[in-house]
Amino acid sequence: MVMQTSLREAMNARTITGSPTTGGQTMVLAHGYGADQSAWDQILPALSQHYRVVVFDWSFSGAVKDPDFFDPAHHATYEGFADDLVGLIEEMGLESVVFVGHSMAGMIGCIASVKRPELFSRLVLVGASPRYMNGDDYEGGFDRSDIEGLMNNIETNFTNWTQAFAAMVVGGHAPAAVDKFAASLRRMRPEVALAAAKTVFYCDHRDVLEKISTPTTIVQTTRDVAVPTSVAYFMQERIRGKSTVEIMDTDGHFPHLTVPKELLGLLGGVLGFES
């Protein structure tokens, strides 16, 4: 992948500081598959009272202006995304950031922290998973046939798939959040959506967990169709550094869209600020 522009520009990176008394620490918010940085809009104002907050868009996002930024080879694995993240943090002159990653971004942040631990002071993983496919003695949430069916629907019936997938993972209890995520999915180019989905749903990064030394908080909802609760404890048991699990008694894979006040309260308790 040959960059013609800076990563900061390509990834639409922005820094938000909501209060002149905000300290020097930076929080990086990284959205998951199919979303864009607007997924954080409901919690961003409160977080920016306590941190300099960086938001950005991954290469697959429909918000990215350069159609060539998504490189099917570079972005075929989480390693490529992790390299983008490290490059962005370096380019912005940051270090010791608090990284909050949703879904796939959680594991991307883990990989990046193994590569460059000095860039990360804390990892907060929201609905993250090292592997989505079920296997021997492992509950990932999806059988291979489920994933193959998902790929087929993206390829053959993209528009209808976006609404159905959004309803499945966000939860029918939050129709406005479902519509927001579905619209974000539709902004992706179908071929990019398919390639990125393969990267996510066929991944297996369980071996990364034992290499993570950065203090880690794993946030998991009780009823998440994409990530069983058991995955959070699987990760905690294998992460080498200090790790804790925080369970949110709510439905769906997107607490920042569906229960933002509750998520803010949890983050405040974990990170030591009042929301």
Protein backbone atom coordinates (compact mmCIF):
# COMPACT_ATOMS: atom_id res chain seq x y z
CA MET A 1 0.00 0.00 0.00
CA VAL A 2 1.55 3.29 -1.16
CA MET A 3 0.23 6.29 0.77
CA GLN A 4 -0.22 9.51 -1.23
CA THR A 5 -1.50 11.40 1.84
CA SER A 6 -0.86 11.26 5.56
CA LEU A 7 -2.56 8.58 7.62
CA ARG A 8 -4.19 11.33 9.65
CA GLU A 9 -5.84 12.69 6.51
CA ALA A 10 -6.66 9.30 4.99
CA MET A 11 -8.27 8.09 8.24
CA ASN A 12 -10.15 11.36 8.89
CA ALA A 13 -8.48 11.60 12.30
CA ARG A 14 -9.69 14.38 14.61
CA THR A 15 -8.72 15.47 18.12
CA ILE A 16 -11.51 16.75 20.38
CA THR A 17 -10.89 18.58 23.64
CA GLY A 18 -14.06 19.70 25.36
CA SER A 19 -12.61 21.45 28.39
CA PRO A 20 -9.62 23.76 28.93
CA THR A 21 -8.91 21.79 32.11
CA THR A 22 -8.56 18.51 30.23
CA GLY A 23 -5.32 16.80 31.23
CA GLY A 24 -2.58 15.72 28.96
CA GLN A 25 -3.66 12.12 28.45
CA THR A 26 -5.09 11.06 25.11
CA MET A 27 -7.88 8.55 24.53
CA VAL A 28 -8.18 6.92 21.12
CA LEU A 29 -11.65 5.63 20.12
CA ALA A 30 -11.66 2.98 17.38
CA HIS A 31 -14.92 1.86 15.80
CA GLY A 32 -15.72 -1.67 14.65
CA TYR A 33 -16.71 -3.34 11.39
CA GLY A 34 -19.19 -1.47 9.25
CA ALA A 35 -19.21 1.67 11.38
CA ASP A 36 -17.41 5.00 11.29
CA GLN A 37 -16.26 7.50 13.89
CA SER A 38 -19.81 8.85 14.33
CA ALA A 39 -20.56 5.66 16.31
CA TRP A 40 -18.95 7.43 19.29
CA ASP A 41 -21.02 10.63 19.03
CA GLN A 42 -23.17 9.95 22.09
CA ILE A 43 -20.24 9.48 24.48
CA LEU A 44 -17.65 11.75 22.85
CA PRO A 45 -18.71 15.04 24.50
CA ALA A 46 -18.45 13.57 28.02
CA LEU A 47 -15.15 11.83 27.35
CA SER A 48 -13.65 15.02 25.92
CA GLN A 49 -14.14 16.69 29.31
CA HIS A 50 -11.52 14.34 30.73
CA TYR A 51 -9.23 13.44 27.80
CA ARG A 52 -7.96 14.68 24.52
CA VAL A 53 -9.98 12.29 22.39
CA VAL A 54 -8.88 11.07 18.97
CA VAL A 55 -11.46 9.57 16.61
CA PHE A 56 -10.84 8.22 13.13
CA ASP A 57 -12.22 5.97 10.39
CA TRP A 58 -10.78 2.59 9.41
CA SER A 59 -9.99 2.04 5.73
CA PHE A 60 -13.17 0.03 5.03
CA SER A 61 -15.46 2.80 6.28
CA GLY A 62 -17.76 4.53 3.83
CA ALA A 63 -16.62 7.82 5.39
CA VAL A 64 -13.10 7.38 3.94
CA LYS A 65 -12.65 9.63 0.92
CA ASP A 66 -9.84 7.81 -0.88
CA PRO A 67 -11.24 4.64 -2.51
CA ASP A 68 -7.72 3.23 -2.81
CA PHE A 69 -6.94 3.48 0.90
CA PHE A 70 -8.53 0.09 1.51
CA ASP A 71 -5.91 -2.32 0.21
CA PRO A 72 -7.23 -5.90 -0.14
CA ALA A 73 -3.76 -7.29 0.54
CA HIS A 74 -2.67 -4.97 3.35
CA HIS A 75 -6.07 -5.16 5.07
CA ALA A 76 -6.57 -8.91 4.63
CA THR A 77 -5.45 -9.42 8.25
CA TYR A 78 -5.68 -7.48 11.50
CA GLU A 79 -1.91 -6.98 11.25
CA GLY A 80 -2.43 -4.47 8.45
CA PHE A 81 -4.99 -2.53 10.47
CA ALA A 82 -2.68 -2.62 13.51
CA ASP A 83 0.12 -1.14 11.39
CA ASP A 84 -2.26 1.67 10.35
CA LEU A 85 -3.11 2.31 14.01
CA VAL A 86 0.54 2.40 15.11
CA GLY A 87 1.36 4.64 12.17
CA LEU A 88 -1.45 7.05 13.02
CA ILE A 89 -0.49 7.26 16.70
CA GLU A 90 3.15 7.89 15.74
CA GLU A 91 2.22 10.46 13.11
CA MET A 92 0.13 12.37 15.67
CA GLY A 93 3.04 12.33 18.14
CA LEU A 94 1.13 10.40 20.80
CA GLU A 95 2.22 7.86 23.40
CA SER A 96 0.74 6.07 26.42
CA VAL A 97 -2.79 6.45 25.05
CA VAL A 98 -5.93 4.96 26.55
CA PHE A 99 -7.25 2.87 23.66
CA VAL A 100 -10.97 2.04 23.50
CA GLY A 101 -11.70 -0.40 20.69
CA HIS A 102 -15.08 -1.78 19.72
CA SER A 103 -15.46 -5.28 18.28
CA MET A 104 -12.73 -5.98 15.69
CA ALA A 105 -10.91 -2.81 16.75
CA GLY A 106 -10.40 -4.28 20.20
CA MET A 107 -8.21 -7.08 18.87
CA ILE A 108 -6.50 -4.70 16.44
CA GLY A 109 -5.55 -2.58 19.43
CA CYS A 110 -4.24 -5.66 21.22
CA ILE A 111 -2.01 -6.54 18.27
CA ALA A 112 -0.78 -2.94 18.04
CA SER A 113 0.01 -2.94 21.78
CA VAL A 114 2.15 -6.05 21.34
CA LYS A 115 4.02 -4.39 18.49
CA ARG A 116 4.54 -1.08 20.33
CA PRO A 117 3.63 -1.37 24.03
CA GLU A 118 4.99 2.09 24.86
CA LEU A 119 2.21 3.67 22.78
CA PHE A 120 -0.54 2.25 25.03
CA SER A 121 -1.17 2.76 28.74
CA ARG A 122 -4.55 1.02 28.84
CA LEU A 123 -6.72 -1.12 26.58
CA VAL A 124 -10.51 -1.08 26.88
CA LEU A 125 -12.06 -3.75 24.68
CA VAL A 126 -15.80 -3.38 24.04
CA GLY A 127 -17.39 -6.52 22.59
CA ALA A 128 -14.05 -7.78 21.33
CA SER A 129 -13.28 -11.33 20.24
CA PRO A 130 -10.14 -13.11 19.07
CA ARG A 131 -12.18 -15.59 17.01
CA TYR A 132 -15.82 -15.60 15.90
CA MET A 133 -16.02 -19.16 14.61
CA ASN A 134 -16.88 -22.02 16.94
CA GLY A 135 -14.23 -24.71 17.30
CA ASP A 136 -13.17 -27.60 19.48
CA ASP A 137 -13.66 -26.49 23.09
CA TYR A 138 -14.21 -22.89 21.95
CA GLU A 139 -17.48 -20.97 21.61
CA GLY A 140 -16.98 -18.14 19.16
CA GLY A 141 -20.64 -17.52 18.43
CA PHE A 142 -20.86 -18.66 14.80
CA ASP A 143 -20.65 -22.00 13.03
CA ARG A 144 -18.76 -22.06 9.75
CA SER A 145 -22.06 -22.42 7.89
CA ASP A 146 -23.35 -19.24 9.57
CA ILE A 147 -20.32 -17.30 8.37
CA GLU A 148 -20.54 -18.71 4.87
CA GLY A 149 -24.20 -17.69 4.74
CA LEU A 150 -23.26 -14.20 5.92
CA MET A 151 -20.69 -13.84 3.15
CA ASN A 152 -23.18 -15.06 0.56
CA ASN A 153 -25.74 -12.49 1.68
CA ILE A 154 -23.22 -9.65 1.47
CA GLU A 155 -22.25 -10.76 -2.03
CA THR A 156 -25.73 -11.38 -3.44
CA ASN A 157 -28.14 -9.14 -1.53
CA PHE A 158 -26.08 -6.33 -0.03
CA THR A 159 -28.75 -3.69 0.62
CA ASN A 160 -31.18 -6.06 2.33
CA TRP A 161 -28.30 -7.64 4.25
CA THR A 162 -27.30 -4.29 5.80
CA GLN A 163 -30.66 -3.82 7.52
CA ALA A 164 -30.97 -7.47 8.61
CA PHE A 165 -27.41 -7.61 9.95
CA ALA A 166 -27.80 -4.31 11.80
CA ALA A 167 -31.01 -5.53 13.45
CA MET A 168 -29.32 -8.77 14.46
CA VAL A 169 -26.20 -7.31 16.06
CA VAL A 170 -27.57 -4.04 17.48
CA GLY A 171 -30.84 -5.52 18.72
CA GLY A 172 -34.45 -4.76 17.90
CA HIS A 173 -34.91 -2.90 21.20
CA ALA A 174 -33.12 0.13 19.74
CA PRO A 175 -34.57 0.92 16.28
CA ALA A 176 -32.80 4.27 15.92
CA ALA A 177 -29.44 2.63 16.62
CA VAL A 178 -30.27 -0.16 14.15
CA ASP A 179 -31.03 2.40 11.45
CA LYS A 180 -27.83 4.33 12.19
CA PHE A 181 -25.65 1.25 11.89
CA ALA A 182 -27.51 0.02 8.79
CA ALA A 183 -26.92 3.37 7.09
CA SER A 184 -23.22 3.14 7.97
CA LEU A 185 -23.05 -0.36 6.51
CA ARG A 186 -24.69 0.84 3.27
CA ARG A 187 -22.05 3.55 2.89
CA MET A 188 -19.41 0.88 2.43
CA ARG A 189 -18.68 -0.34 -1.07
CA PRO A 190 -20.06 -3.90 -1.30
CA GLU A 191 -16.73 -5.38 -2.38
CA VAL A 192 -14.97 -3.70 0.56
CA ALA A 193 -17.70 -4.81 2.96
CA LEU A 194 -17.22 -8.41 1.80
CA ALA A 195 -13.42 -8.33 2.00
CA ALA A 196 -13.45 -6.75 5.47
CA ALA A 197 -16.10 -9.20 6.70
CA LYS A 198 -13.88 -12.11 5.64
CA THR A 199 -10.97 -10.57 7.55
CA VAL A 200 -13.14 -10.29 10.66
CA PHE A 201 -15.19 -13.48 10.71
CA TYR A 202 -12.46 -15.89 9.60
CA CYS A 203 -9.82 -14.44 11.94
CA ASP A 204 -8.19 -16.37 14.77
CA HIS A 205 -5.99 -14.28 17.05
CA ARG A 206 -6.22 -16.33 20.22
CA ASP A 207 -2.43 -16.68 20.21
CA VAL A 208 -2.04 -12.90 20.61
CA LEU A 209 -3.66 -12.85 24.05
CA GLU A 210 -0.68 -14.30 25.95
CA LYS A 211 1.55 -11.57 24.48
CA ILE A 212 -0.50 -8.64 25.81
CA SER A 213 1.18 -6.85 28.71
CA THR A 214 -0.84 -3.60 28.68
CA PRO A 215 -3.48 -3.40 31.45
CA THR A 216 -6.75 -4.41 29.85
CA THR A 217 -10.45 -4.01 30.64
CA ILE A 218 -12.85 -6.26 28.72
CA VAL A 219 -16.38 -4.86 28.46
CA GLN A 220 -19.07 -7.33 27.42
CA THR A 221 -22.86 -7.19 27.31
CA THR A 222 -24.85 -10.13 28.64
CA ARG A 223 -26.82 -10.73 25.45
CA ASP A 224 -24.57 -10.16 22.44
CA VAL A 225 -25.37 -12.29 19.40
CA ALA A 226 -21.90 -11.63 17.95
CA VAL A 227 -19.80 -12.41 21.04
CA PRO A 228 -20.82 -14.86 23.78
CA THR A 229 -20.05 -13.79 27.35
CA SER A 230 -17.71 -16.76 27.66
CA VAL A 231 -15.33 -15.09 25.19
CA ALA A 232 -14.65 -12.25 27.63
CA TYR A 233 -13.53 -14.70 30.32
CA PHE A 234 -11.57 -16.74 27.76
CA MET A 235 -9.62 -13.59 26.92
CA GLN A 236 -9.11 -12.60 30.55
CA GLU A 237 -7.66 -15.99 31.43
CA ARG A 238 -5.08 -15.78 28.65
CA ILE A 239 -3.99 -12.15 28.67
CA ARG A 240 -0.54 -11.96 30.26
CA GLY A 241 -0.94 -8.52 31.79
CA LYS A 242 -3.49 -7.40 34.36
CA SER A 243 -7.00 -7.79 32.97
CA THR A 244 -10.55 -7.43 34.27
CA VAL A 245 -13.99 -8.19 32.87
CA GLU A 246 -16.88 -5.74 33.17
CA ILE A 247 -20.31 -7.15 32.33
CA MET A 248 -23.13 -4.86 31.19
CA ASP A 249 -26.62 -6.26 31.71
CA THR A 250 -28.02 -5.23 28.35
CA ASP A 251 -28.76 -6.51 24.86
CA GLY A 252 -26.70 -6.14 21.72
CA HIS A 253 -23.20 -5.62 20.43
CA PHE A 254 -23.23 -1.78 20.46
CA PRO A 255 -23.58 -0.39 24.00
CA HIS A 256 -22.17 2.97 22.84
CA LEU A 257 -25.21 3.28 20.55
CA THR A 258 -27.89 1.69 22.71
CA VAL A 259 -26.95 2.48 26.35
CA PRO A 260 -24.36 5.29 26.13
CA LYS A 261 -24.98 6.66 29.64
CA GLU A 262 -24.44 3.23 31.17
CA LEU A 263 -21.25 2.74 29.17
CA LEU A 264 -19.97 6.16 30.24
CA GLY A 265 -20.64 5.26 33.86
CA LEU A 266 -18.73 2.03 33.46
CA LEU A 267 -15.79 3.76 31.77
CA GLY A 268 -15.74 6.39 34.49
CA GLY A 269 -15.56 3.71 37.15
CA VAL A 270 -12.81 1.83 35.37
CA LEU A 271 -10.71 4.83 34.36
CA GLY A 272 -11.36 7.02 37.38
CA PHE A 273 -13.47 9.92 36.16
CA GLU A 274 -17.02 11.05 36.92
CA SER A 275 -19.37 10.88 33.97
